[in-house]
N, C-alpha and C. Protein backbone atom coordinates (compact mmCIF):
# COMPACT_ATOMS: atom_id res chain seq x y z
N UNK A 1 -7.44 20.90 -18.89
CA UNK A 1 -6.98 19.58 -19.96
C UNK A 1 -5.83 19.09 -19.25
N UNK A 2 -5.99 17.64 -19.13
CA UNK A 2 -4.94 16.55 -18.55
C UNK A 2 -3.75 16.63 -19.13
N UNK A 3 -2.68 16.77 -18.71
CA UNK A 3 -1.58 16.90 -18.90
C UNK A 3 -0.46 16.13 -18.02
N UNK A 4 0.99 15.95 -18.65
CA UNK A 4 1.66 15.40 -17.80
C UNK A 4 3.26 16.25 -17.90
N UNK A 5 3.82 15.89 -16.79
CA UNK A 5 4.97 16.79 -16.46
C UNK A 5 6.01 16.34 -15.86
N UNK A 6 7.17 16.53 -15.69
CA UNK A 6 8.35 16.23 -14.76
C UNK A 6 9.16 16.60 -13.82
N UNK A 7 8.77 16.42 -13.04
CA UNK A 7 9.14 16.30 -11.48
C UNK A 7 10.65 15.61 -10.87
N UNK A 8 11.32 16.38 -10.24
CA UNK A 8 12.33 16.05 -9.70
C UNK A 8 13.12 16.27 -8.74
N UNK A 9 13.17 15.52 -8.05
CA UNK A 9 13.68 15.32 -6.60
C UNK A 9 15.07 15.55 -6.47
N UNK A 10 15.82 16.57 -6.68
CA UNK A 10 17.55 16.84 -6.78
C UNK A 10 18.10 15.84 -5.79
N UNK A 11 19.60 15.66 -6.06
CA UNK A 11 20.67 15.17 -5.12
C UNK A 11 20.35 15.98 -3.67
N UNK A 12 20.01 17.27 -3.91
CA UNK A 12 20.07 17.84 -2.64
C UNK A 12 18.34 17.36 -1.31
N UNK A 13 17.59 17.05 -2.19
CA UNK A 13 16.48 16.75 -1.36
C UNK A 13 15.91 15.08 -1.28
N UNK A 14 17.18 14.59 -2.10
CA UNK A 14 17.43 12.90 -1.67
C UNK A 14 18.05 12.73 -0.50
N UNK A 15 18.80 13.44 -0.83
CA UNK A 15 19.97 13.27 0.26
C UNK A 15 19.62 14.18 1.75
N UNK A 16 18.68 14.80 1.87
CA UNK A 16 17.95 15.37 2.69
C UNK A 16 16.51 14.68 3.29
N UNK A 17 16.47 13.57 2.64
CA UNK A 17 15.29 13.05 3.34
C UNK A 17 13.99 13.19 2.79
N UNK A 18 13.74 14.24 1.64
CA UNK A 18 12.38 14.45 0.88
C UNK A 18 11.29 14.29 0.13
N UNK A 19 12.22 12.95 -0.49
CA UNK A 19 11.61 12.48 -1.54
C UNK A 19 9.78 12.04 -1.08
N UNK A 20 9.63 11.25 -0.32
CA UNK A 20 8.30 11.08 0.31
C UNK A 20 7.29 12.26 0.39
N UNK A 21 8.37 13.44 1.04
CA UNK A 21 7.57 14.71 1.24
C UNK A 21 7.03 15.64 -0.12
N UNK A 22 7.73 14.94 -1.11
CA UNK A 22 7.79 15.46 -2.27
C UNK A 22 6.54 14.97 -3.06
N UNK A 23 6.53 14.04 -2.88
CA UNK A 23 5.95 12.90 -3.32
C UNK A 23 4.69 12.98 -3.01
N UNK A 24 4.17 12.89 -1.77
CA UNK A 24 3.17 13.06 -0.94
C UNK A 24 2.26 14.23 -1.27
N UNK A 25 2.91 15.22 -1.43
CA UNK A 25 2.70 16.84 -1.66
C UNK A 25 1.78 16.64 -3.20
N UNK A 26 2.09 16.25 -4.17
CA UNK A 26 1.74 16.10 -5.43
C UNK A 26 0.22 15.29 -5.42
N UNK A 27 0.29 13.98 -4.63
CA UNK A 27 -0.12 12.82 -4.24
C UNK A 27 -1.56 13.89 -3.69
N UNK A 28 -1.40 14.18 -2.44
CA UNK A 28 -2.54 14.63 -1.56
C UNK A 28 -3.32 16.08 -3.09
N UNK A 29 -2.19 16.92 -3.77
CA UNK A 29 -3.11 17.41 -4.19
C UNK A 29 -3.84 16.92 -5.50
N UNK A 30 -3.98 15.63 -5.78
CA UNK A 30 -4.66 15.11 -6.73
C UNK A 30 -4.20 14.34 -7.95
N UNK A 31 -2.85 14.83 -7.86
CA UNK A 31 -1.85 14.30 -9.24
C UNK A 31 -2.30 12.65 -9.11
N UNK A 32 -2.23 12.26 -10.52
CA UNK A 32 -1.44 10.56 -10.57
C UNK A 32 -0.20 10.65 -11.02
N UNK A 33 0.18 9.91 -10.36
CA UNK A 33 2.34 9.81 -10.55
C UNK A 33 1.88 8.05 -11.30
N UNK A 34 1.98 8.37 -12.80
CA UNK A 34 2.29 7.58 -13.81
C UNK A 34 3.66 7.29 -13.89
N UNK A 35 4.87 7.92 -13.64
CA UNK A 35 5.90 6.75 -13.55
C UNK A 35 7.18 7.75 -12.33
N UNK A 36 7.86 6.47 -12.17
CA UNK A 36 8.51 7.00 -10.76
C UNK A 36 9.63 6.22 -10.63
N UNK A 37 10.80 6.87 -10.66
CA UNK A 37 12.10 6.46 -10.55
C UNK A 37 13.25 6.89 -10.12
N UNK A 38 14.38 5.95 -9.68
CA UNK A 38 15.54 7.01 -9.17
C UNK A 38 16.83 6.57 -9.51
N UNK A 39 17.54 7.44 -10.02
CA UNK A 39 18.68 6.98 -10.99
C UNK A 39 19.60 8.51 -10.47
N UNK A 40 20.66 7.91 -11.26
CA UNK A 40 22.00 8.71 -11.47
C UNK A 40 21.83 9.84 -12.41
N UNK A 41 22.00 10.71 -12.84
CA UNK A 41 21.67 11.27 -14.30
C UNK A 41 23.26 11.17 -14.75
N UNK A 42 23.94 10.68 -15.56
CA UNK A 42 25.08 10.87 -16.45
C UNK A 42 25.19 12.24 -16.87
N UNK A 43 26.22 12.52 -16.87
CA UNK A 43 26.74 13.79 -17.62
C UNK A 43 25.62 14.08 -19.15
N UNK A 44 25.92 13.20 -19.75
CA UNK A 44 25.41 13.27 -21.17
C UNK A 44 23.64 13.62 -20.92
N UNK A 45 23.26 12.95 -20.07
CA UNK A 45 21.64 13.26 -19.86
C UNK A 45 21.19 14.57 -18.67
N UNK A 46 21.94 15.02 -18.40
CA UNK A 46 22.07 15.97 -17.35
C UNK A 46 22.16 16.98 -18.28
N UNK A 47 23.06 17.20 -19.49
CA UNK A 47 23.39 18.29 -20.28
C UNK A 47 22.43 18.60 -21.16
N UNK A 48 21.48 17.05 -21.79
CA UNK A 48 20.51 16.68 -22.68
C UNK A 48 19.51 17.60 -22.03
N UNK A 49 19.30 17.59 -20.86
CA UNK A 49 17.76 17.97 -19.75
C UNK A 49 17.99 19.47 -19.96
N UNK A 50 19.26 19.90 -19.78
CA UNK A 50 19.21 21.08 -19.53
C UNK A 50 19.75 22.08 -20.30
N UNK A 51 19.79 21.06 -21.96
CA UNK A 51 20.01 22.19 -23.18
C UNK A 51 19.87 23.52 -23.34
N UNK A 52 18.12 23.97 -23.14
CA UNK A 52 18.16 25.50 -22.83
C UNK A 52 19.23 26.19 -22.21
N UNK A 53 19.97 26.04 -21.34
CA UNK A 53 20.54 26.64 -20.46
C UNK A 53 21.76 26.52 -21.01
N UNK A 54 21.84 25.94 -21.63
CA UNK A 54 23.87 25.90 -22.28
C UNK A 54 24.09 26.93 -22.15
N UNK A 55 25.36 27.85 -22.08
CA UNK A 55 25.92 29.06 -22.80
C UNK A 55 26.09 30.23 -21.56
N UNK A 56 24.59 29.77 -20.15
CA UNK A 56 24.68 30.52 -19.30
C UNK A 56 25.63 30.03 -18.40
N UNK A 57 25.97 31.37 -17.46
CA UNK A 57 27.21 31.04 -16.66
C UNK A 57 26.90 29.93 -15.23
N UNK A 58 25.77 29.83 -15.01
CA UNK A 58 25.64 28.31 -14.42
C UNK A 58 25.58 27.35 -14.61
N UNK A 59 25.39 27.08 -16.20
CA UNK A 59 25.03 25.85 -16.29
C UNK A 59 26.47 24.45 -16.12
N UNK A 60 27.51 25.01 -15.90
CA UNK A 60 28.23 23.53 -15.96
C UNK A 60 28.11 23.36 -14.35
N UNK A 61 27.88 24.56 -13.08
CA UNK A 61 27.73 23.93 -12.38
C UNK A 61 26.26 23.28 -12.16
N UNK A 62 25.35 23.69 -12.25
CA UNK A 62 23.87 22.90 -12.94
C UNK A 62 24.62 21.71 -13.29
N UNK A 63 24.86 21.23 -14.08
CA UNK A 63 25.44 19.46 -14.46
C UNK A 63 26.55 19.08 -13.48
N UNK A 64 27.48 19.93 -12.73
CA UNK A 64 27.86 19.05 -11.51
C UNK A 64 27.15 18.71 -10.59
N UNK A 65 26.03 19.52 -9.76
CA UNK A 65 25.05 19.20 -8.99
C UNK A 65 24.17 18.23 -9.47
N UNK A 66 23.67 18.29 -10.55
CA UNK A 66 22.40 17.30 -10.96
C UNK A 66 23.00 16.28 -11.19
N UNK A 67 24.57 16.12 -11.09
CA UNK A 67 25.25 14.62 -11.20
C UNK A 67 25.84 13.92 -10.64
N UNK A 68 25.68 14.55 -9.15
CA UNK A 68 26.76 14.91 -8.13
C UNK A 68 25.79 13.61 -7.16
N UNK A 69 24.62 13.37 -7.17
CA UNK A 69 24.14 12.23 -6.06
C UNK A 69 23.14 11.50 -7.36
N UNK A 70 22.05 10.89 -6.18
CA UNK A 70 20.74 10.20 -7.00
C UNK A 70 19.68 10.89 -6.90
N UNK A 71 18.53 11.11 -8.19
CA UNK A 71 17.40 11.61 -7.85
C UNK A 71 16.47 10.99 -7.87
N UNK A 72 15.16 11.40 -7.92
CA UNK A 72 14.21 10.53 -7.66
C UNK A 72 13.27 11.41 -9.16
N UNK A 73 12.98 10.80 -9.80
CA UNK A 73 12.00 11.35 -11.13
C UNK A 73 10.80 10.63 -11.26
N UNK A 74 9.89 11.47 -11.62
CA UNK A 74 8.50 10.98 -11.35
C UNK A 74 7.80 12.18 -12.83
N UNK A 75 6.66 11.46 -12.69
CA UNK A 75 5.82 11.51 -13.86
C UNK A 75 4.84 11.83 -13.36
N UNK A 76 4.08 13.18 -12.97
CA UNK A 76 2.98 13.18 -12.65
C UNK A 76 1.37 13.60 -13.97
N UNK A 77 0.48 13.37 -13.02
CA UNK A 77 -0.64 13.40 -14.65
C UNK A 77 -1.88 14.28 -14.19
N UNK A 78 -2.16 15.19 -14.50
CA UNK A 78 -3.50 15.84 -14.22
C UNK A 78 -3.97 17.37 -15.18
N UNK A 79 -5.02 17.20 -14.19
CA UNK A 79 -5.49 18.44 -14.87
C UNK A 79 -4.69 20.19 -15.00
N UNK A 80 -4.51 20.54 -16.01
CA UNK A 80 -2.90 21.85 -16.03
C UNK A 80 -2.06 21.56 -14.59
N UNK A 81 -1.57 20.23 -15.23
CA UNK A 81 -0.57 19.64 -13.74
C UNK A 81 0.85 20.54 -14.46
N UNK A 82 1.30 21.22 -15.74
CA UNK A 82 2.41 22.06 -15.23
C UNK A 82 2.43 22.96 -14.81
N UNK A 83 1.23 23.87 -15.26
CA UNK A 83 0.95 24.84 -14.17
C UNK A 83 1.11 24.90 -13.00
N UNK A 84 0.28 23.55 -12.09
CA UNK A 84 -0.20 23.69 -10.80
C UNK A 84 1.12 23.40 -10.01
N UNK A 85 1.70 22.66 -11.01
CA UNK A 85 2.93 21.84 -10.27
C UNK A 85 3.90 23.30 -9.98
N UNK A 86 4.25 24.12 -11.02
CA UNK A 86 4.90 25.10 -10.80
C UNK A 86 5.06 26.30 -9.71
N UNK A 87 3.75 26.52 -9.60
CA UNK A 87 3.16 26.62 -8.39
C UNK A 87 3.31 25.99 -7.14
N UNK A 88 3.12 24.94 -7.21
CA UNK A 88 3.58 23.95 -5.62
C UNK A 88 5.02 24.31 -5.67
N UNK A 89 5.73 24.01 -6.66
CA UNK A 89 7.45 23.92 -6.43
C UNK A 89 7.65 25.23 -5.96
N UNK A 90 7.46 26.51 -6.25
CA UNK A 90 7.69 27.88 -5.85
C UNK A 90 8.85 28.20 -7.06
N UNK A 91 9.56 29.98 -6.72
CA UNK A 91 10.23 30.32 -7.05
C UNK A 91 11.15 29.91 -7.39
N UNK A 92 12.68 29.87 -8.30
CA UNK A 92 13.80 29.40 -8.08
C UNK A 92 14.60 29.97 -6.88
N UNK A 93 14.32 30.88 -6.88
CA UNK A 93 15.33 31.19 -5.85
C UNK A 93 14.58 31.64 -4.20
N UNK A 94 14.87 30.68 -3.63
CA UNK A 94 14.21 30.61 -2.08
C UNK A 94 13.50 31.99 -1.26
N UNK A 95 14.25 33.13 -1.64
CA UNK A 95 14.07 33.76 -0.84
C UNK A 95 13.04 34.53 -1.20
N UNK A 96 12.84 34.36 -2.78
CA UNK A 96 11.05 34.52 -3.61
C UNK A 96 10.14 33.30 -3.63
N UNK A 97 10.92 32.08 -2.80
CA UNK A 97 9.27 30.91 -2.70
C UNK A 97 8.58 31.13 -1.31
N UNK A 98 7.56 31.36 -1.91
CA UNK A 98 6.38 31.26 -1.18
C UNK A 98 6.17 30.47 0.10
N UNK A 99 5.90 30.53 1.61
CA UNK A 99 5.50 29.51 2.11
C UNK A 99 4.23 28.22 1.67
N UNK A 100 4.77 27.43 2.11
CA UNK A 100 3.60 26.57 1.45
C UNK A 100 4.41 25.85 0.14
N UNK A 101 5.29 26.45 -0.66
CA UNK A 101 5.61 25.88 -1.30
C UNK A 101 6.96 25.09 -1.02
N UNK A 102 7.11 24.16 -1.87
CA UNK A 102 8.12 22.86 -1.50
C UNK A 102 9.59 23.87 -1.53
N UNK A 103 9.77 24.43 -2.54
CA UNK A 103 11.30 25.53 -2.07
C UNK A 103 10.93 26.03 -1.12
N UNK A 104 9.49 27.29 -1.09
CA UNK A 104 9.66 28.06 0.35
C UNK A 104 9.86 27.05 1.46
N UNK A 105 9.46 26.03 1.96
CA UNK A 105 9.65 25.39 2.87
C UNK A 105 10.77 24.47 3.16
N UNK A 106 11.38 24.31 2.03
CA UNK A 106 12.49 23.18 2.01
C UNK A 106 14.21 23.89 1.66
N UNK A 107 13.79 24.96 1.01
CA UNK A 107 15.35 25.76 -0.45
C UNK A 107 15.46 26.60 0.87
N UNK A 108 17.28 26.26 0.37
CA UNK A 108 18.13 27.88 1.09
C UNK A 108 19.18 28.23 0.01
N UNK A 109 18.77 27.65 -1.31
CA UNK A 109 20.16 27.82 -2.02
C UNK A 109 19.68 28.10 -3.38
N UNK A 110 19.89 28.37 -4.58
CA UNK A 110 18.94 28.66 -5.71
C UNK A 110 19.38 27.77 -6.71
N UNK A 111 20.53 26.81 -6.23
CA UNK A 111 20.62 25.82 -7.38
C UNK A 111 20.32 24.23 -6.95
N UNK A 112 20.56 24.29 -5.28
CA UNK A 112 20.25 23.11 -4.14
C UNK A 112 18.80 23.43 -3.84
N UNK A 113 17.99 23.56 -4.62
CA UNK A 113 16.78 24.03 -4.25
C UNK A 113 15.52 22.65 -4.21
N UNK A 114 15.85 21.34 -4.10
CA UNK A 114 15.00 20.33 -4.09
C UNK A 114 14.32 20.02 -5.20
N UNK A 115 13.86 20.49 -5.78
CA UNK A 115 13.27 20.08 -6.69
C UNK A 115 12.92 20.48 -8.19
N UNK A 116 13.21 20.02 -9.30
CA UNK A 116 12.83 20.81 -10.67
C UNK A 116 11.21 20.50 -11.34
N UNK A 117 11.11 21.27 -12.05
CA UNK A 117 9.27 20.94 -12.35
C UNK A 117 9.94 21.97 -13.60
N UNK A 118 8.86 20.85 -14.88
CA UNK A 118 8.92 21.20 -16.39
C UNK A 118 8.23 22.87 -16.45
N UNK A 119 8.49 23.49 -16.98
CA UNK A 119 8.34 24.95 -17.35
C UNK A 119 7.64 25.41 -18.02
N UNK A 120 7.05 24.30 -19.05
CA UNK A 120 5.95 24.82 -20.33
C UNK A 120 5.49 22.98 -20.12
N UNK A 121 4.13 23.25 -21.36
CA UNK A 121 3.99 21.94 -21.82
C UNK A 121 5.16 21.34 -22.72
N UNK A 122 5.45 22.45 -23.66
CA UNK A 122 6.60 21.79 -24.62
C UNK A 122 8.09 21.60 -23.71
N UNK A 123 8.57 21.90 -22.60
CA UNK A 123 10.04 21.55 -22.09
C UNK A 123 9.24 20.07 -21.47
N UNK A 124 8.05 20.44 -20.76
CA UNK A 124 7.28 19.02 -20.64
C UNK A 124 7.38 17.64 -21.16
N UNK A 125 7.48 17.64 -22.42
CA UNK A 125 7.30 16.91 -23.75
C UNK A 125 8.85 16.36 -23.58
N UNK A 126 9.81 17.86 -24.03
CA UNK A 126 11.36 17.36 -24.44
C UNK A 126 11.63 16.76 -23.07
N UNK A 127 11.32 17.56 -22.02
CA UNK A 127 12.45 16.46 -20.87
C UNK A 127 11.80 15.12 -20.38
N UNK A 128 10.39 14.71 -20.82
CA UNK A 128 10.05 13.45 -20.10
C UNK A 128 10.89 12.52 -21.24
N UNK A 129 11.18 12.98 -22.86
CA UNK A 129 11.64 11.89 -23.46
C UNK A 129 13.33 11.62 -22.75
N UNK A 130 13.61 12.39 -22.39
CA UNK A 130 14.93 12.38 -21.52
C UNK A 130 15.32 11.55 -20.35
N UNK A 131 14.53 11.77 -19.70
CA UNK A 131 14.36 10.57 -18.27
C UNK A 131 13.79 9.59 -18.35
N UNK A 132 12.36 9.49 -19.23
CA UNK A 132 11.32 8.13 -19.24
C UNK A 132 11.67 7.97 -20.81
N UNK A 133 11.52 6.17 -21.03
CA UNK A 133 11.17 5.85 -21.87
C UNK A 133 9.24 5.58 -21.72
N UNK A 134 9.10 5.38 -23.41
CA UNK A 134 7.15 4.95 -23.16
C UNK A 134 7.21 3.96 -22.13
N UNK A 135 8.05 2.66 -22.27
CA UNK A 135 7.39 1.91 -21.60
C UNK A 135 7.44 2.03 -19.64
N UNK A 136 8.31 3.17 -19.16
CA UNK A 136 8.55 3.42 -18.13
C UNK A 136 6.76 4.42 -17.40
N UNK A 137 6.20 5.02 -18.24
CA UNK A 137 5.17 5.40 -17.96
C UNK A 137 3.84 4.52 -18.13
N UNK A 138 3.40 4.87 -16.73
CA UNK A 138 1.83 3.88 -17.28
C UNK A 138 0.61 4.51 -17.42
């Protein structure tokens, strides 16, 4: 099934110059990029994006981190995009992320782990609406 999902290159990934690497991995896999932009998340947008985590101990630190610098947001489209993107991104904790995944190759920290990927089709729909307007998706 053709799906769309949200991928974010987090502030650490942008700072480290990994934007091109992340984009190229998804393109080489065969996904179409149908939305792409660089932005600095406002606190309000970051809280809306991570609303499911509100009340958890890491929430405030995550919001501070995600608003600390620019991010690159993209909408990728393809067969089973959500599931395949999650495999490509790798586990949240760097020690659990397999080599060959984005986090396995580039991440050393659980919060500053280079990328965000929607974890379900339902989350993808909600997150895409937070970051992109319909006119920004081709």
